Amino acid sequence: AANEAKDNVKYLYSLEKYYDPLYNSDPVSM
């Protein structure tokens, strides 16, 4: 379970730069 959580955190962190615009941008910029 710890290994699963560690692996998932690692990969989900890699998405951060891609999903930040979903939170911070207008629809066109998204």
PDB file of all heavy atoms in Angstrom:
ATOM      1  N   ALA A   1       0.835  -1.211   0.000  1.00  0.00           N
ATOM      2  CA  ALA A   1       0.000   0.000   0.000  1.00  0.00           C
ATOM      3  C   ALA A   1       0.866   1.255   0.000  1.00  0.00           C
ATOM      4  O   ALA A   1       0.556   2.237  -0.691  1.00  0.00           O
ATOM      5  CB  ALA A   1      -0.938  -0.009   1.205  1.00  0.00           C
ATOM      6  N   ALA A   2       1.955   1.241   0.741  1.00  0.00           N
ATOM      7  CA  ALA A   2       2.872   2.389   0.759  1.00  0.00           C
ATOM      8  C   ALA A   2       3.518   2.573  -0.608  1.00  0.00           C
ATOM      9  O   ALA A   2       3.651   3.701  -1.099  1.00  0.00           O
ATOM     10  CB  ALA A   2       3.942   2.200   1.836  1.00  0.00           C
ATOM     11  N   ASN A   3       3.920   1.477  -1.228  1.00  0.00           N
ATOM     12  CA  ASN A   3       4.523   1.558  -2.569  1.00  0.00           C
ATOM     13  C   ASN A   3       3.522   2.081  -3.594  1.00  0.00           C
ATOM     14  O   ASN A   3       3.879   2.864  -4.474  1.00  0.00           O
ATOM     15  CB  ASN A   3       5.067   0.199  -2.993  1.00  0.00           C
ATOM     16  CG  ASN A   3       6.317  -0.182  -2.249  1.00  0.00           C
ATOM     17  OD1 ASN A   3       7.026   0.668  -1.711  1.00  0.00           O
ATOM     18  ND2 ASN A   3       6.589  -1.470  -2.173  1.00  0.00           N
ATOM     19  N   GLU A   4       2.268   1.635  -3.489  1.00  0.00           N
ATOM     20  CA  GLU A   4       1.232   2.133  -4.402  1.00  0.00           C
ATOM     21  C   GLU A   4       1.038   3.630  -4.231  1.00  0.00           C
ATOM     22  O   GLU A   4       1.006   4.382  -5.210  1.00  0.00           O
ATOM     23  CB  GLU A   4      -0.092   1.410  -4.146  1.00  0.00           C
ATOM     24  CG  GLU A   4      -1.226   1.958  -5.007  1.00  0.00           C
ATOM     25  CD  GLU A   4      -2.569   1.329  -4.714  1.00  0.00           C
ATOM     26  OE1 GLU A   4      -2.765   0.743  -3.637  1.00  0.00           O
ATOM     27  OE2 GLU A   4      -3.452   1.431  -5.588  1.00  0.00           O
ATOM     28  N   ALA A   5       0.934   4.076  -2.986  1.00  0.00           N
ATOM     29  CA  ALA A   5       0.743   5.505  -2.732  1.00  0.00           C
ATOM     30  C   ALA A   5       1.940   6.313  -3.238  1.00  0.00           C
ATOM     31  O   ALA A   5       1.770   7.364  -3.869  1.00  0.00           O
ATOM     32  CB  ALA A   5       0.518   5.748  -1.238  1.00  0.00           C
ATOM     33  N   LYS A   6       3.145   5.826  -2.998  1.00  0.00           N
ATOM     34  CA  LYS A   6       4.357   6.527  -3.451  1.00  0.00           C
ATOM     35  C   LYS A   6       4.387   6.635  -4.975  1.00  0.00           C
ATOM     36  O   LYS A   6       4.663   7.695  -5.536  1.00  0.00           O
ATOM     37  CB  LYS A   6       5.595   5.782  -2.954  1.00  0.00           C
ATOM     38  CG  LYS A   6       6.898   6.427  -3.344  1.00  0.00           C
ATOM     39  CD  LYS A   6       8.079   5.615  -2.834  1.00  0.00           C
ATOM     40  CE  LYS A   6       9.380   6.214  -3.310  1.00  0.00           C
ATOM     41  NZ  LYS A   6      10.529   5.384  -2.921  1.00  0.00           N
ATOM     42  N   ASP A   7       4.090   5.539  -5.641  1.00  0.00           N
ATOM     43  CA  ASP A   7       4.068   5.512  -7.102  1.00  0.00           C
ATOM     44  C   ASP A   7       3.003   6.468  -7.645  1.00  0.00           C
ATOM     45  O   ASP A   7       3.262   7.248  -8.569  1.00  0.00           O
ATOM     46  CB  ASP A   7       3.797   4.075  -7.569  1.00  0.00           C
ATOM     47  CG  ASP A   7       4.084   3.860  -9.037  1.00  0.00           C
ATOM     48  OD1 ASP A   7       5.241   4.041  -9.458  1.00  0.00           O
ATOM     49  OD2 ASP A   7       3.136   3.490  -9.780  1.00  0.00           O
ATOM     50  N   ASN A   8       1.816   6.425  -7.064  1.00  0.00           N
ATOM     51  CA  ASN A   8       0.730   7.277  -7.541  1.00  0.00           C
ATOM     52  C   ASN A   8       1.021   8.751  -7.314  1.00  0.00           C
ATOM     53  O   ASN A   8       0.731   9.583  -8.178  1.00  0.00           O
ATOM     54  CB  ASN A   8      -0.586   6.872  -6.888  1.00  0.00           C
ATOM     55  CG  ASN A   8      -1.075   5.522  -7.371  1.00  0.00           C
ATOM     56  OD1 ASN A   8      -0.549   4.966  -8.327  1.00  0.00           O
ATOM     57  ND2 ASN A   8      -2.058   4.979  -6.696  1.00  0.00           N
ATOM     58  N   VAL A   9       1.603   9.084  -6.160  1.00  0.00           N
ATOM     59  CA  VAL A   9       1.976  10.482  -5.893  1.00  0.00           C
ATOM     60  C   VAL A   9       2.997  10.955  -6.924  1.00  0.00           C
ATOM     61  O   VAL A   9       2.884  12.051  -7.478  1.00  0.00           O
ATOM     62  CB  VAL A   9       2.510  10.654  -4.445  1.00  0.00           C
ATOM     63  CG1 VAL A   9       3.222  11.985  -4.271  1.00  0.00           C
ATOM     64  CG2 VAL A   9       1.368  10.514  -3.454  1.00  0.00           C
ATOM     65  N   LYS A  10       3.976  10.118  -7.210  1.00  0.00           N
ATOM     66  CA  LYS A  10       5.011  10.482  -8.185  1.00  0.00           C
ATOM     67  C   LYS A  10       4.387  10.812  -9.543  1.00  0.00           C
ATOM     68  O   LYS A  10       4.678  11.853 -10.136  1.00  0.00           O
ATOM     69  CB  LYS A  10       6.018   9.337  -8.329  1.00  0.00           C
ATOM     70  CG  LYS A  10       7.076   9.569  -9.396  1.00  0.00           C
ATOM     71  CD  LYS A  10       8.063   8.429  -9.471  1.00  0.00           C
ATOM     72  CE  LYS A  10       7.485   7.240 -10.179  1.00  0.00           C
ATOM     73  NZ  LYS A  10       8.449   6.172 -10.459  1.00  0.00           N
ATOM     74  N   TYR A  11       3.519   9.951 -10.018  1.00  0.00           N
ATOM     75  CA  TYR A  11       2.926  10.169 -11.332  1.00  0.00           C
ATOM     76  C   TYR A  11       1.912  11.305 -11.339  1.00  0.00           C
ATOM     77  O   TYR A  11       1.834  12.065 -12.307  1.00  0.00           O
ATOM     78  CB  TYR A  11       2.303   8.880 -11.871  1.00  0.00           C
ATOM     79  CG  TYR A  11       3.359   7.907 -12.320  1.00  0.00           C
ATOM     80  CD1 TYR A  11       3.587   6.729 -11.633  1.00  0.00           C
ATOM     81  CD2 TYR A  11       4.174   8.189 -13.415  1.00  0.00           C
ATOM     82  CE1 TYR A  11       4.579   5.844 -12.035  1.00  0.00           C
ATOM     83  CE2 TYR A  11       5.167   7.316 -13.821  1.00  0.00           C
ATOM     84  CZ  TYR A  11       5.361   6.141 -13.126  1.00  0.00           C
ATOM     85  OH  TYR A  11       6.350   5.283 -13.516  1.00  0.00           O
ATOM     86  N   LEU A  12       1.145  11.439 -10.278  1.00  0.00           N
ATOM     87  CA  LEU A  12       0.168  12.527 -10.229  1.00  0.00           C
ATOM     88  C   LEU A  12       0.854  13.889 -10.116  1.00  0.00           C
ATOM     89  O   LEU A  12       0.363  14.877 -10.645  1.00  0.00           O
ATOM     90  CB  LEU A  12      -0.828  12.305  -9.098  1.00  0.00           C
ATOM     91  CG  LEU A  12      -1.792  11.144  -9.332  1.00  0.00           C
ATOM     92  CD1 LEU A  12      -2.560  10.817  -8.068  1.00  0.00           C
ATOM     93  CD2 LEU A  12      -2.732  11.440 -10.493  1.00  0.00           C
ATOM     94  N   TYR A  13       1.999  13.939  -9.435  1.00  0.00           N
ATOM     95  CA  TYR A  13       2.775  15.186  -9.399  1.00  0.00           C
ATOM     96  C   TYR A  13       3.224  15.578 -10.811  1.00  0.00           C
ATOM     97  O   TYR A  13       3.290  16.759 -11.138  1.00  0.00           O
ATOM     98  CB  TYR A  13       4.010  15.047  -8.509  1.00  0.00           C
ATOM     99  CG  TYR A  13       3.858  15.647  -7.143  1.00  0.00           C
ATOM    100  CD1 TYR A  13       4.151  14.898  -6.017  1.00  0.00           C
ATOM    101  CD2 TYR A  13       3.438  16.962  -6.954  1.00  0.00           C
ATOM    102  CE1 TYR A  13       4.021  15.427  -4.743  1.00  0.00           C
ATOM    103  CE2 TYR A  13       3.310  17.502  -5.691  1.00  0.00           C
ATOM    104  CZ  TYR A  13       3.598  16.730  -4.593  1.00  0.00           C
ATOM    105  OH  TYR A  13       3.466  17.259  -3.341  1.00  0.00           O
ATOM    106  N   SER A  14       3.510  14.595 -11.643  1.00  0.00           N
ATOM    107  CA  SER A  14       3.953  14.906 -13.006  1.00  0.00           C
ATOM    108  C   SER A  14       2.846  15.559 -13.829  1.00  0.00           C
ATOM    109  O   SER A  14       3.121  16.204 -14.840  1.00  0.00           O
ATOM    110  CB  SER A  14       4.467  13.643 -13.709  1.00  0.00           C
ATOM    111  OG  SER A  14       3.402  12.788 -14.065  1.00  0.00           O
ATOM    112  N   LEU A  15       1.607  15.414 -13.404  1.00  0.00           N
ATOM    113  CA  LEU A  15       0.481  16.029 -14.119  1.00  0.00           C
ATOM    114  C   LEU A  15       0.250  17.481 -13.721  1.00  0.00           C
ATOM    115  O   LEU A  15      -0.444  18.209 -14.429  1.00  0.00           O
ATOM    116  CB  LEU A  15      -0.821  15.261 -13.825  1.00  0.00           C
ATOM    117  CG  LEU A  15      -0.940  13.847 -14.326  1.00  0.00           C
ATOM    118  CD1 LEU A  15      -2.282  13.275 -13.918  1.00  0.00           C
ATOM    119  CD2 LEU A  15      -0.779  13.788 -15.828  1.00  0.00           C
ATOM    120  N   GLU A  16       0.807  17.883 -12.603  1.00  0.00           N
ATOM    121  CA  GLU A  16       0.504  19.189 -12.031  1.00  0.00           C
ATOM    122  C   GLU A  16       0.675  20.343 -13.019  1.00  0.00           C
ATOM    123  O   GLU A  16      -0.192  21.214 -13.128  1.00  0.00           O
ATOM    124  CB  GLU A  16       1.371  19.424 -10.795  1.00  0.00           C
ATOM    125  CG  GLU A  16       0.683  20.197  -9.735  1.00  0.00           C
ATOM    126  CD  GLU A  16       1.467  20.187  -8.430  1.00  0.00           C
ATOM    127  OE1 GLU A  16       2.684  19.905  -8.421  1.00  0.00           O
ATOM    128  OE2 GLU A  16       0.847  20.487  -7.420  1.00  0.00           O
ATOM    129  N   LYS A  17       1.768  20.336 -13.755  1.00  0.00           N
ATOM    130  CA  LYS A  17       2.003  21.448 -14.690  1.00  0.00           C
ATOM    131  C   LYS A  17       0.967  21.481 -15.805  1.00  0.00           C
ATOM    132  O   LYS A  17       0.725  22.512 -16.413  1.00  0.00           O
ATOM    133  CB  LYS A  17       3.419  21.392 -15.255  1.00  0.00           C
ATOM    134  CG  LYS A  17       3.710  20.201 -16.143  1.00  0.00           C
ATOM    135  CD  LYS A  17       5.147  20.224 -16.612  1.00  0.00           C
ATOM    136  CE  LYS A  17       5.480  18.960 -17.368  1.00  0.00           C
ATOM    137  NZ  LYS A  17       6.890  18.872 -17.684  1.00  0.00           N
ATOM    138  N   TYR A  18       0.344  20.332 -16.068  1.00  0.00           N
ATOM    139  CA  TYR A  18      -0.667  20.273 -17.124  1.00  0.00           C
ATOM    140  C   TYR A  18      -2.064  20.634 -16.617  1.00  0.00           C
ATOM    141  O   TYR A  18      -2.863  21.190 -17.349  1.00  0.00           O
ATOM    142  CB  TYR A  18      -0.711  18.883 -17.759  1.00  0.00           C
ATOM    143  CG  TYR A  18       0.590  18.495 -18.408  1.00  0.00           C
ATOM    144  CD1 TYR A  18       1.412  17.543 -17.839  1.00  0.00           C
ATOM    145  CD2 TYR A  18       0.999  19.097 -19.599  1.00  0.00           C
ATOM    146  CE1 TYR A  18       2.615  17.184 -18.439  1.00  0.00           C
ATOM    147  CE2 TYR A  18       2.197  18.752 -20.201  1.00  0.00           C
ATOM    148  CZ  TYR A  18       2.999  17.791 -19.608  1.00  0.00           C
ATOM    149  OH  TYR A  18       4.186  17.445 -20.205  1.00  0.00           O
ATOM    150  N   TYR A  19      -2.355  20.296 -15.354  1.00  0.00           N
ATOM    151  CA  TYR A  19      -3.700  20.611 -14.892  1.00  0.00           C
ATOM    152  C   TYR A  19      -3.804  21.944 -14.164  1.00  0.00           C
ATOM    153  O   TYR A  19      -4.902  22.435 -13.934  1.00  0.00           O
ATOM    154  CB  TYR A  19      -4.329  19.472 -14.082  1.00  0.00           C
ATOM    155  CG  TYR A  19      -3.723  19.139 -12.745  1.00  0.00           C
ATOM    156  CD1 TYR A  19      -3.744  20.031 -11.682  1.00  0.00           C
ATOM    157  CD2 TYR A  19      -3.186  17.880 -12.515  1.00  0.00           C
ATOM    158  CE1 TYR A  19      -3.216  19.698 -10.456  1.00  0.00           C
ATOM    159  CE2 TYR A  19      -2.665  17.536 -11.279  1.00  0.00           C
ATOM    160  CZ  TYR A  19      -2.684  18.459 -10.251  1.00  0.00           C
ATOM    161  OH  TYR A  19      -2.166  18.124  -9.035  1.00  0.00           O
ATOM    162  N   ASP A  20      -2.677  22.575 -13.835  1.00  0.00           N
ATOM    163  CA  ASP A  20      -2.744  23.908 -13.233  1.00  0.00           C
ATOM    164  C   ASP A  20      -3.542  24.905 -14.082  1.00  0.00           C
ATOM    165  O   ASP A  20      -4.326  25.678 -13.536  1.00  0.00           O
ATOM    166  CB  ASP A  20      -1.349  24.451 -12.927  1.00  0.00           C
ATOM    167  CG  ASP A  20      -0.857  24.037 -11.552  1.00  0.00           C
ATOM    168  OD1 ASP A  20      -1.668  23.511 -10.757  1.00  0.00           O
ATOM    169  OD2 ASP A  20       0.341  24.235 -11.266  1.00  0.00           O
ATOM    170  N   PRO A  21      -3.369  24.905 -15.417  1.00  0.00           N
ATOM    171  CA  PRO A  21      -4.180  25.827 -16.225  1.00  0.00           C
ATOM    172  C   PRO A  21      -5.695  25.586 -16.094  1.00  0.00           C
ATOM    173  O   PRO A  21      -6.481  26.516 -16.298  1.00  0.00           O
ATOM    174  CB  PRO A  21      -3.722  25.556 -17.663  1.00  0.00           C
ATOM    175  CG  PRO A  21      -2.333  25.043 -17.515  1.00  0.00           C
ATOM    176  CD  PRO A  21      -2.353  24.246 -16.237  1.00  0.00           C
ATOM    177  N   LEU A  22      -6.102  24.381 -15.727  1.00  0.00           N
ATOM    178  CA  LEU A  22      -7.526  24.119 -15.538  1.00  0.00           C
ATOM    179  C   LEU A  22      -8.068  24.900 -14.343  1.00  0.00           C
ATOM    180  O   LEU A  22      -9.245  25.226 -14.288  1.00  0.00           O
ATOM    181  CB  LEU A  22      -7.786  22.624 -15.325  1.00  0.00           C
ATOM    182  CG  LEU A  22      -7.307  21.665 -16.407  1.00  0.00           C
ATOM    183  CD1 LEU A  22      -7.663  20.234 -16.030  1.00  0.00           C
ATOM    184  CD2 LEU A  22      -7.898  22.019 -17.757  1.00  0.00           C
ATOM    185  N   TYR A  23      -7.190  25.202 -13.394  1.00  0.00           N
ATOM    186  CA  TYR A  23      -7.585  25.941 -12.205  1.00  0.00           C
ATOM    187  C   TYR A  23      -7.383  27.451 -12.377  1.00  0.00           C
ATOM    188  O   TYR A  23      -8.083  28.231 -11.758  1.00  0.00           O
ATOM    189  CB  TYR A  23      -6.761  25.485 -10.994  1.00  0.00           C
ATOM    190  CG  TYR A  23      -7.111  24.105 -10.493  1.00  0.00           C
ATOM    191  CD1 TYR A  23      -6.453  22.983 -10.973  1.00  0.00           C
ATOM    192  CD2 TYR A  23      -8.094  23.926  -9.527  1.00  0.00           C
ATOM    193  CE1 TYR A  23      -6.759  21.715 -10.506  1.00  0.00           C
ATOM    194  CE2 TYR A  23      -8.417  22.664  -9.068  1.00  0.00           C
ATOM    195  CZ  TYR A  23      -7.745  21.567  -9.551  1.00  0.00           C
ATOM    196  OH  TYR A  23      -8.055  20.308  -9.090  1.00  0.00           O
ATOM    197  N   ASN A  24      -6.393  27.822 -13.176  1.00  0.00           N
ATOM    198  CA  ASN A  24      -5.945  29.220 -13.186  1.00  0.00           C
ATOM    199  C   ASN A  24      -6.195  29.976 -14.481  1.00  0.00           C
ATOM    200  O   ASN A  24      -5.797  31.124 -14.590  1.00  0.00           O
ATOM    201  CB  ASN A  24      -4.440  29.268 -12.880  1.00  0.00           C
ATOM    202  CG  ASN A  24      -4.100  28.591 -11.575  1.00  0.00           C
ATOM    203  OD1 ASN A  24      -4.828  28.706 -10.608  1.00  0.00           O
ATOM    204  ND2 ASN A  24      -2.997  27.866 -11.547  1.00  0.00           N
ATOM    205  N   SER A  25      -6.797  29.359 -15.476  1.00  0.00           N
ATOM    206  CA  SER A  25      -6.923  30.005 -16.782  1.00  0.00           C
ATOM    207  C   SER A  25      -8.380  30.141 -17.203  1.00  0.00           C
ATOM    208  O   SER A  25      -9.260  29.484 -16.661  1.00  0.00           O
ATOM    209  CB  SER A  25      -6.190  29.192 -17.858  1.00  0.00           C
ATOM    210  OG  SER A  25      -4.831  29.060 -17.545  1.00  0.00           O
ATOM    211  N   ASP A  26      -8.553  30.962 -18.207  1.00  0.00           N
ATOM    212  CA  ASP A  26      -9.873  31.063 -18.812  1.00  0.00           C
ATOM    213  C   ASP A  26     -10.064  29.869 -19.750  1.00  0.00           C
ATOM    214  O   ASP A  26      -9.093  29.194 -20.107  1.00  0.00           O
ATOM    215  CB  ASP A  26      -9.995  32.387 -19.574  1.00  0.00           C
ATOM    216  CG  ASP A  26      -8.960  32.490 -20.671  1.00  0.00           C
ATOM    217  OD1 ASP A  26      -7.836  32.975 -20.387  1.00  0.00           O
ATOM    218  OD2 ASP A  26      -9.274  32.085 -21.810  1.00  0.00           O
ATOM    219  N   PRO A  27     -11.295  29.590 -20.161  1.00  0.00           N
ATOM    220  CA  PRO A  27     -11.552  28.405 -20.997  1.00  0.00           C
ATOM    221  C   PRO A  27     -10.720  28.326 -22.280  1.00  0.00           C
ATOM    222  O   PRO A  27     -10.285  27.253 -22.676  1.00  0.00           O
ATOM    223  CB  PRO A  27     -13.043  28.497 -21.303  1.00  0.00           C
ATOM    224  CG  PRO A  27     -13.609  29.248 -20.141  1.00  0.00           C
ATOM    225  CD  PRO A  27     -12.542  30.230 -19.758  1.00  0.00           C
ATOM    226  N   VAL A  28     -10.465  29.447 -22.906  1.00  0.00           N
ATOM    227  CA  VAL A  28      -9.694  29.434 -24.146  1.00  0.00           C
ATOM    228  C   VAL A  28      -8.245  29.040 -23.863  1.00  0.00           C
ATOM    229  O   VAL A  28      -7.659  28.223 -24.584  1.00  0.00           O
ATOM    230  CB  VAL A  28      -9.767  30.811 -24.862  1.00  0.00           C
ATOM    231  CG1 VAL A  28      -8.852  30.844 -26.073  1.00  0.00           C
ATOM    232  CG2 VAL A  28     -11.205  31.123 -25.253  1.00  0.00           C
ATOM    233  N   SER A  29      -7.670  29.577 -22.796  1.00  0.00           N
ATOM    234  CA  SER A  29      -6.285  29.245 -22.442  1.00  0.00           C
ATOM    235  C   SER A  29      -6.139  27.791 -21.998  1.00  0.00           C
ATOM    236  O   SER A  29      -5.081  27.195 -22.168  1.00  0.00           O
ATOM    237  CB  SER A  29      -5.791  30.157 -21.326  1.00  0.00           C
ATOM    238  OG  SER A  29      -5.854  31.502 -21.727  1.00  0.00           O
ATOM    239  N   MET A  30      -7.198  27.237 -21.427  1.00  0.00           N
ATOM    240  CA  MET A  30      -7.166  25.837 -20.996  1.00  0.00           C
ATOM    241  C   MET A  30      -6.920  24.893 -22.161  1.00  0.00           C
ATOM    242  O   MET A  30      -6.285  23.856 -22.001  1.00  0.00           O
ATOM    243  CB  MET A  30      -8.511  25.436 -20.367  1.00  0.00           C
ATOM    244  CG  MET A  30      -8.724  25.875 -18.986  1.00  0.00           C
ATOM    245  SD  MET A  30     -10.308  25.170 -18.479  1.00  0.00           S
ATOM    246  CE  MET A  30     -10.790  26.361 -17.276  1.00  0.00           C
TER     247      MET A  30
END
